[in-house]
Amino acid sequence: MAKTILQVEGMSCQHCVNSIEGALKEIGAIGKVDLTNNTVEVSYDENQITIGAVKEAIEEQGYDVV
């Protein structure tokens, strides 16, 4: 399992948390949103999911991965 922390802009509420964590779950990753630090800690199987797919899943929800 790979683990990475991404800086994500545009998150502000519980809806943001649910959107991002739900989108990551759909692709088989586990996300933990930290609204205070504007970060998302993601755990994923690098043999099944690329970091590009993780970023795309977040960006498709309307947030910017920086």
PDB file of N, CA and C in Angstrom:
ATOM      1  N   MET A   1       0.837  -1.192   0.000  1.00  0.00           N
ATOM      2  CA  MET A   1       0.000   0.000   0.000  1.00  0.00           C
ATOM      3  C   MET A   1       0.874   1.246   0.000  1.00  0.00           C
ATOM      4  N   ALA A   2       0.594   2.126  -0.920  1.00  0.00           N
ATOM      5  CA  ALA A   2       1.292   3.418  -0.954  1.00  0.00           C
ATOM      6  C   ALA A   2       0.465   4.423  -0.184  1.00  0.00           C
ATOM      7  N   LYS A   3       1.153   5.394   0.387  1.00  0.00           N
ATOM      8  CA  LYS A   3       0.478   6.450   1.129  1.00  0.00           C
ATOM      9  C   LYS A   3       1.068   7.779   0.680  1.00  0.00           C
ATOM     10  N   THR A   4       0.200   8.751   0.428  1.00  0.00           N
ATOM     11  CA  THR A   4       0.672  10.071   0.040  1.00  0.00           C
ATOM     12  C   THR A   4      -0.258  11.132   0.613  1.00  0.00           C
ATOM     13  N   ILE A   5       0.283  12.319   0.787  1.00  0.00           N
ATOM     14  CA  ILE A   5      -0.520  13.440   1.261  1.00  0.00           C
ATOM     15  C   ILE A   5      -0.541  14.492   0.159  1.00  0.00           C
ATOM     16  N   LEU A   6      -1.739  14.859  -0.262  1.00  0.00           N
ATOM     17  CA  LEU A   6      -1.910  15.833  -1.332  1.00  0.00           C
ATOM     18  C   LEU A   6      -2.460  17.146  -0.781  1.00  0.00           C
ATOM     19  N   GLN A   7      -1.962  18.262  -1.295  1.00  0.00           N
ATOM     20  CA  GLN A   7      -2.523  19.583  -0.986  1.00  0.00           C
ATOM     21  C   GLN A   7      -3.709  19.779  -1.921  1.00  0.00           C
ATOM     22  N   VAL A   8      -4.865  20.100  -1.360  1.00  0.00           N
ATOM     23  CA  VAL A   8      -6.071  20.262  -2.167  1.00  0.00           C
ATOM     24  C   VAL A   8      -6.725  21.594  -1.814  1.00  0.00           C
ATOM     25  N   GLU A   9      -7.018  22.391  -2.838  1.00  0.00           N
ATOM     26  CA  GLU A   9      -7.658  23.686  -2.632  1.00  0.00           C
ATOM     27  C   GLU A   9      -9.147  23.602  -2.918  1.00  0.00           C
ATOM     28  N   GLY A  10      -9.915  24.397  -2.180  1.00  0.00           N
ATOM     29  CA  GLY A  10     -11.344  24.495  -2.419  1.00  0.00           C
ATOM     30  C   GLY A  10     -12.208  23.737  -1.429  1.00  0.00           C
ATOM     31  N   MET A  11     -11.606  23.046  -0.481  1.00  0.00           N
ATOM     32  CA  MET A  11     -12.376  22.288   0.506  1.00  0.00           C
ATOM     33  C   MET A  11     -12.723  23.189   1.684  1.00  0.00           C
ATOM     34  N   SER A  12     -13.984  23.092   2.161  1.00  0.00           N
ATOM     35  CA  SER A  12     -14.363  23.959   3.277  1.00  0.00           C
ATOM     36  C   SER A  12     -15.376  23.356   4.244  1.00  0.00           C
ATOM     37  N   CYS A  13     -15.997  22.232   3.886  1.00  0.00           N
ATOM     38  CA  CYS A  13     -17.094  21.744   4.733  1.00  0.00           C
ATOM     39  C   CYS A  13     -17.204  20.220   4.668  1.00  0.00           C
ATOM     40  N   GLN A  14     -18.155  19.688   5.404  1.00  0.00           N
ATOM     41  CA  GLN A  14     -18.365  18.243   5.456  1.00  0.00           C
ATOM     42  C   GLN A  14     -18.766  17.685   4.095  1.00  0.00           C
ATOM     43  N   HIS A  15     -19.472  18.471   3.306  1.00  0.00           N
ATOM     44  CA  HIS A  15     -19.836  18.020   1.956  1.00  0.00           C
ATOM     45  C   HIS A  15     -18.568  17.757   1.129  1.00  0.00           C
ATOM     46  N   CYS A  16     -17.578  18.633   1.273  1.00  0.00           N
ATOM     47  CA  CYS A  16     -16.304  18.466   0.572  1.00  0.00           C
ATOM     48  C   CYS A  16     -15.640  17.155   1.002  1.00  0.00           C
ATOM     49  N   VAL A  17     -15.628  16.914   2.297  1.00  0.00           N
ATOM     50  CA  VAL A  17     -15.041  15.691   2.845  1.00  0.00           C
ATOM     51  C   VAL A  17     -15.735  14.473   2.239  1.00  0.00           C
ATOM     52  N   ASN A  18     -17.057  14.467   2.267  1.00  0.00           N
ATOM     53  CA  ASN A  18     -17.823  13.327   1.749  1.00  0.00           C
ATOM     54  C   ASN A  18     -17.588  13.121   0.256  1.00  0.00           C
ATOM     55  N   SER A  19     -17.534  14.217  -0.512  1.00  0.00           N
ATOM     56  CA  SER A  19     -17.329  14.116  -1.958  1.00  0.00           C
ATOM     57  C   SER A  19     -15.983  13.490  -2.281  1.00  0.00           C
ATOM     58  N   ILE A  20     -14.946  13.988  -1.647  1.00  0.00           N
ATOM     59  CA  ILE A  20     -13.593  13.504  -1.941  1.00  0.00           C
ATOM     60  C   ILE A  20     -13.395  12.080  -1.439  1.00  0.00           C
ATOM     61  N   GLU A  21     -13.760  11.820  -0.202  1.00  0.00           N
ATOM     62  CA  GLU A  21     -13.572  10.469   0.343  1.00  0.00           C
ATOM     63  C   GLU A  21     -14.407   9.447  -0.431  1.00  0.00           C
ATOM     64  N   GLY A  22     -15.609   9.843  -0.843  1.00  0.00           N
ATOM     65  CA  GLY A  22     -16.468   8.949  -1.626  1.00  0.00           C
ATOM     66  C   GLY A  22     -15.893   8.652  -3.006  1.00  0.00           C
ATOM     67  N   ALA A  23     -15.359   9.686  -3.660  1.00  0.00           N
ATOM     68  CA  ALA A  23     -14.768   9.506  -4.990  1.00  0.00           C
ATOM     69  C   ALA A  23     -13.547   8.598  -4.927  1.00  0.00           C
ATOM     70  N   LEU A  24     -12.744   8.763  -3.888  1.00  0.00           N
ATOM     71  CA  LEU A  24     -11.561   7.910  -3.737  1.00  0.00           C
ATOM     72  C   LEU A  24     -11.955   6.469  -3.456  1.00  0.00           C
ATOM     73  N   LYS A  25     -12.986   6.295  -2.649  1.00  0.00           N
ATOM     74  CA  LYS A  25     -13.467   4.943  -2.336  1.00  0.00           C
ATOM     75  C   LYS A  25     -13.940   4.236  -3.605  1.00  0.00           C
ATOM     76  N   GLU A  26     -14.573   4.987  -4.512  1.00  0.00           N
ATOM     77  CA  GLU A  26     -15.075   4.407  -5.762  1.00  0.00           C
ATOM     78  C   GLU A  26     -13.966   3.833  -6.624  1.00  0.00           C
ATOM     79  N   ILE A  27     -12.766   4.428  -6.555  1.00  0.00           N
ATOM     80  CA  ILE A  27     -11.661   3.903  -7.371  1.00  0.00           C
ATOM     81  C   ILE A  27     -10.796   2.913  -6.590  1.00  0.00           C
ATOM     82  N   GLY A  28     -11.158   2.640  -5.345  1.00  0.00           N
ATOM     83  CA  GLY A  28     -10.441   1.647  -4.556  1.00  0.00           C
ATOM     84  C   GLY A  28      -9.361   2.209  -3.650  1.00  0.00           C
ATOM     85  N   ALA A  29      -9.388   3.523  -3.436  1.00  0.00           N
ATOM     86  CA  ALA A  29      -8.412   4.161  -2.547  1.00  0.00           C
ATOM     87  C   ALA A  29      -9.113   4.572  -1.254  1.00  0.00           C
ATOM     88  N   ILE A  30      -8.316   4.839  -0.229  1.00  0.00           N
ATOM     89  CA  ILE A  30      -8.857   5.314   1.044  1.00  0.00           C
ATOM     90  C   ILE A  30      -8.340   6.724   1.266  1.00  0.00           C
ATOM     91  N   GLY A  31      -9.263   7.664   1.432  1.00  0.00           N
ATOM     92  CA  GLY A  31      -8.873   9.057   1.631  1.00  0.00           C
ATOM     93  C   GLY A  31      -9.299   9.565   2.987  1.00  0.00           C
ATOM     94  N   LYS A  32      -8.456  10.405   3.579  1.00  0.00           N
ATOM     95  CA  LYS A  32      -8.786  11.061   4.844  1.00  0.00           C
ATOM     96  C   LYS A  32      -8.529  12.552   4.657  1.00  0.00           C
ATOM     97  N   VAL A  33      -9.612  13.329   4.659  1.00  0.00           N
ATOM     98  CA  VAL A  33      -9.532  14.766   4.422  1.00  0.00           C
ATOM     99  C   VAL A  33      -9.250  15.497   5.725  1.00  0.00           C
ATOM    100  N   ASP A  34      -8.338  16.465   5.667  1.00  0.00           N
ATOM    101  CA  ASP A  34      -8.036  17.354   6.792  1.00  0.00           C
ATOM    102  C   ASP A  34      -8.334  18.774   6.324  1.00  0.00           C
ATOM    103  N   LEU A  35      -9.504  19.283   6.712  1.00  0.00           N
ATOM    104  CA  LEU A  35      -9.920  20.621   6.276  1.00  0.00           C
ATOM    105  C   LEU A  35      -9.016  21.718   6.837  1.00  0.00           C
ATOM    106  N   THR A  36      -8.495  21.519   8.036  1.00  0.00           N
ATOM    107  CA  THR A  36      -7.654  22.523   8.680  1.00  0.00           C
ATOM    108  C   THR A  36      -6.384  22.788   7.876  1.00  0.00           C
ATOM    109  N   ASN A  37      -5.780  21.724   7.361  1.00  0.00           N
ATOM    110  CA  ASN A  37      -4.516  21.856   6.635  1.00  0.00           C
ATOM    111  C   ASN A  37      -4.675  21.798   5.116  1.00  0.00           C
ATOM    112  N   ASN A  38      -5.928  21.677   4.647  1.00  0.00           N
ATOM    113  CA  ASN A  38      -6.204  21.547   3.206  1.00  0.00           C
ATOM    114  C   ASN A  38      -5.420  20.398   2.581  1.00  0.00           C
ATOM    115  N   THR A  39      -5.450  19.244   3.260  1.00  0.00           N
ATOM    116  CA  THR A  39      -4.747  18.076   2.744  1.00  0.00           C
ATOM    117  C   THR A  39      -5.680  16.872   2.682  1.00  0.00           C
ATOM    118  N   VAL A  40      -5.294  15.934   1.840  1.00  0.00           N
ATOM    119  CA  VAL A  40      -5.971  14.646   1.766  1.00  0.00           C
ATOM    120  C   VAL A  40      -4.887  13.582   1.847  1.00  0.00           C
ATOM    121  N   GLU A  41      -4.972  12.745   2.868  1.00  0.00           N
ATOM    122  CA  GLU A  41      -4.052  11.611   2.989  1.00  0.00           C
ATOM    123  C   GLU A  41      -4.698  10.439   2.271  1.00  0.00           C
ATOM    124  N   VAL A  42      -3.985   9.888   1.304  1.00  0.00           N
ATOM    125  CA  VAL A  42      -4.542   8.819   0.471  1.00  0.00           C
ATOM    126  C   VAL A  42      -3.694   7.565   0.598  1.00  0.00           C
ATOM    127  N   SER A  43      -4.372   6.441   0.847  1.00  0.00           N
ATOM    128  CA  SER A  43      -3.736   5.125   0.838  1.00  0.00           C
ATOM    129  C   SER A  43      -4.310   4.363  -0.348  1.00  0.00           C
ATOM    130  N   TYR A  44      -3.424   3.756  -1.137  1.00  0.00           N
ATOM    131  CA  TYR A  44      -3.892   3.045  -2.327  1.00  0.00           C
ATOM    132  C   TYR A  44      -2.880   1.981  -2.723  1.00  0.00           C
ATOM    133  N   ASP A  45      -3.347   1.000  -3.477  1.00  0.00           N
ATOM    134  CA  ASP A  45      -2.478  -0.070  -3.990  1.00  0.00           C
ATOM    135  C   ASP A  45      -1.884   0.415  -5.304  1.00  0.00           C
ATOM    136  N   GLU A  46      -0.589   0.735  -5.275  1.00  0.00           N
ATOM    137  CA  GLU A  46       0.045   1.293  -6.469  1.00  0.00           C
ATOM    138  C   GLU A  46       0.108   0.317  -7.639  1.00  0.00           C
ATOM    139  N   ASN A  47      -0.178  -0.962  -7.394  1.00  0.00           N
ATOM    140  CA  ASN A  47      -0.251  -1.937  -8.481  1.00  0.00           C
ATOM    141  C   ASN A  47      -1.601  -1.883  -9.198  1.00  0.00           C
ATOM    142  N   GLN A  48      -2.579  -1.242  -8.567  1.00  0.00           N
ATOM    143  CA  GLN A  48      -3.928  -1.178  -9.132  1.00  0.00           C
ATOM    144  C   GLN A  48      -4.345   0.245  -9.524  1.00  0.00           C
ATOM    145  N   ILE A  49      -3.814   1.240  -8.807  1.00  0.00           N
ATOM    146  CA  ILE A  49      -4.248   2.627  -8.983  1.00  0.00           C
ATOM    147  C   ILE A  49      -3.009   3.518  -9.106  1.00  0.00           C
ATOM    148  N   THR A  50      -3.037   4.434 -10.070  1.00  0.00           N
ATOM    149  CA  THR A  50      -1.924   5.378 -10.210  1.00  0.00           C
ATOM    150  C   THR A  50      -2.217   6.640  -9.410  1.00  0.00           C
ATOM    151  N   ILE A  51      -1.170   7.391  -9.096  1.00  0.00           N
ATOM    152  CA  ILE A  51      -1.369   8.671  -8.408  1.00  0.00           C
ATOM    153  C   ILE A  51      -2.147   9.622  -9.317  1.00  0.00           C
ATOM    154  N   GLY A  52      -1.982   9.472 -10.609  1.00  0.00           N
ATOM    155  CA  GLY A  52      -2.748  10.277 -11.563  1.00  0.00           C
ATOM    156  C   GLY A  52      -4.239  10.029 -11.439  1.00  0.00           C
ATOM    157  N   ALA A  53      -4.624   8.775 -11.256  1.00  0.00           N
ATOM    158  CA  ALA A  53      -6.036   8.421 -11.091  1.00  0.00           C
ATOM    159  C   ALA A  53      -6.588   8.993  -9.790  1.00  0.00           C
ATOM    160  N   VAL A  54      -5.747   9.005  -8.750  1.00  0.00           N
ATOM    161  CA  VAL A  54      -6.153   9.570  -7.460  1.00  0.00           C
ATOM    162  C   VAL A  54      -6.426  11.075  -7.625  1.00  0.00           C
ATOM    163  N   LYS A  55      -5.489  11.778  -8.256  1.00  0.00           N
ATOM    164  CA  LYS A  55      -5.654  13.217  -8.466  1.00  0.00           C
ATOM    165  C   LYS A  55      -6.866  13.511  -9.337  1.00  0.00           C
ATOM    166  N   GLU A  56      -7.058  12.713 -10.370  1.00  0.00           N
ATOM    167  CA  GLU A  56      -8.199  12.900 -11.271  1.00  0.00           C
ATOM    168  C   GLU A  56      -9.523  12.722 -10.534  1.00  0.00           C
ATOM    169  N   ALA A  57      -9.597  11.730  -9.661  1.00  0.00           N
ATOM    170  CA  ALA A  57     -10.827  11.482  -8.907  1.00  0.00           C
ATOM    171  C   ALA A  57     -11.177  12.704  -8.041  1.00  0.00           C
ATOM    172  N   ILE A  58     -10.159  13.325  -7.446  1.00  0.00           N
ATOM    173  CA  ILE A  58     -10.387  14.508  -6.609  1.00  0.00           C
ATOM    174  C   ILE A  58     -10.784  15.701  -7.483  1.00  0.00           C
ATOM    175  N   GLU A  59     -10.072  15.893  -8.584  1.00  0.00           N
ATOM    176  CA  GLU A  59     -10.336  17.030  -9.463  1.00  0.00           C
ATOM    177  C   GLU A  59     -11.713  16.930 -10.113  1.00  0.00           C
ATOM    178  N   GLU A  60     -12.181  15.722 -10.386  1.00  0.00           N
ATOM    179  CA  GLU A  60     -13.509  15.526 -10.970  1.00  0.00           C
ATOM    180  C   GLU A  60     -14.616  15.991 -10.021  1.00  0.00           C
ATOM    181  N   GLN A  61     -14.301  16.083  -8.735  1.00  0.00           N
ATOM    182  CA  GLN A  61     -15.269  16.567  -7.755  1.00  0.00           C
ATOM    183  C   GLN A  61     -15.265  18.094  -7.662  1.00  0.00           C
ATOM    184  N   GLY A  62     -14.365  18.748  -8.409  1.00  0.00           N
ATOM    185  CA  GLY A  62     -14.340  20.195  -8.449  1.00  0.00           C
ATOM    186  C   GLY A  62     -13.280  20.849  -7.590  1.00  0.00           C
ATOM    187  N   TYR A  63     -12.296  20.083  -7.139  1.00  0.00           N
ATOM    188  CA  TYR A  63     -11.235  20.610  -6.274  1.00  0.00           C
ATOM    189  C   TYR A  63      -9.914  20.617  -7.032  1.00  0.00           C
ATOM    190  N   ASP A  64      -8.994  21.457  -6.601  1.00  0.00           N
ATOM    191  CA  ASP A  64      -7.689  21.573  -7.259  1.00  0.00           C
ATOM    192  C   ASP A  64      -6.617  20.896  -6.422  1.00  0.00           C
ATOM    193  N   VAL A  65      -5.933  19.939  -7.037  1.00  0.00           N
ATOM    194  CA  VAL A  65      -4.787  19.299  -6.396  1.00  0.00           C
ATOM    195  C   VAL A  65      -3.557  20.103  -6.805  1.00  0.00           C
ATOM    196  N   VAL A  66      -2.835  20.627  -5.799  1.00  0.00           N
ATOM    197  CA  VAL A  66      -1.667  21.475  -6.106  1.00  0.00           C
ATOM    198  C   VAL A  66      -0.367  20.780  -5.787  1.00  0.00           C
TER     199      VAL A  66
END
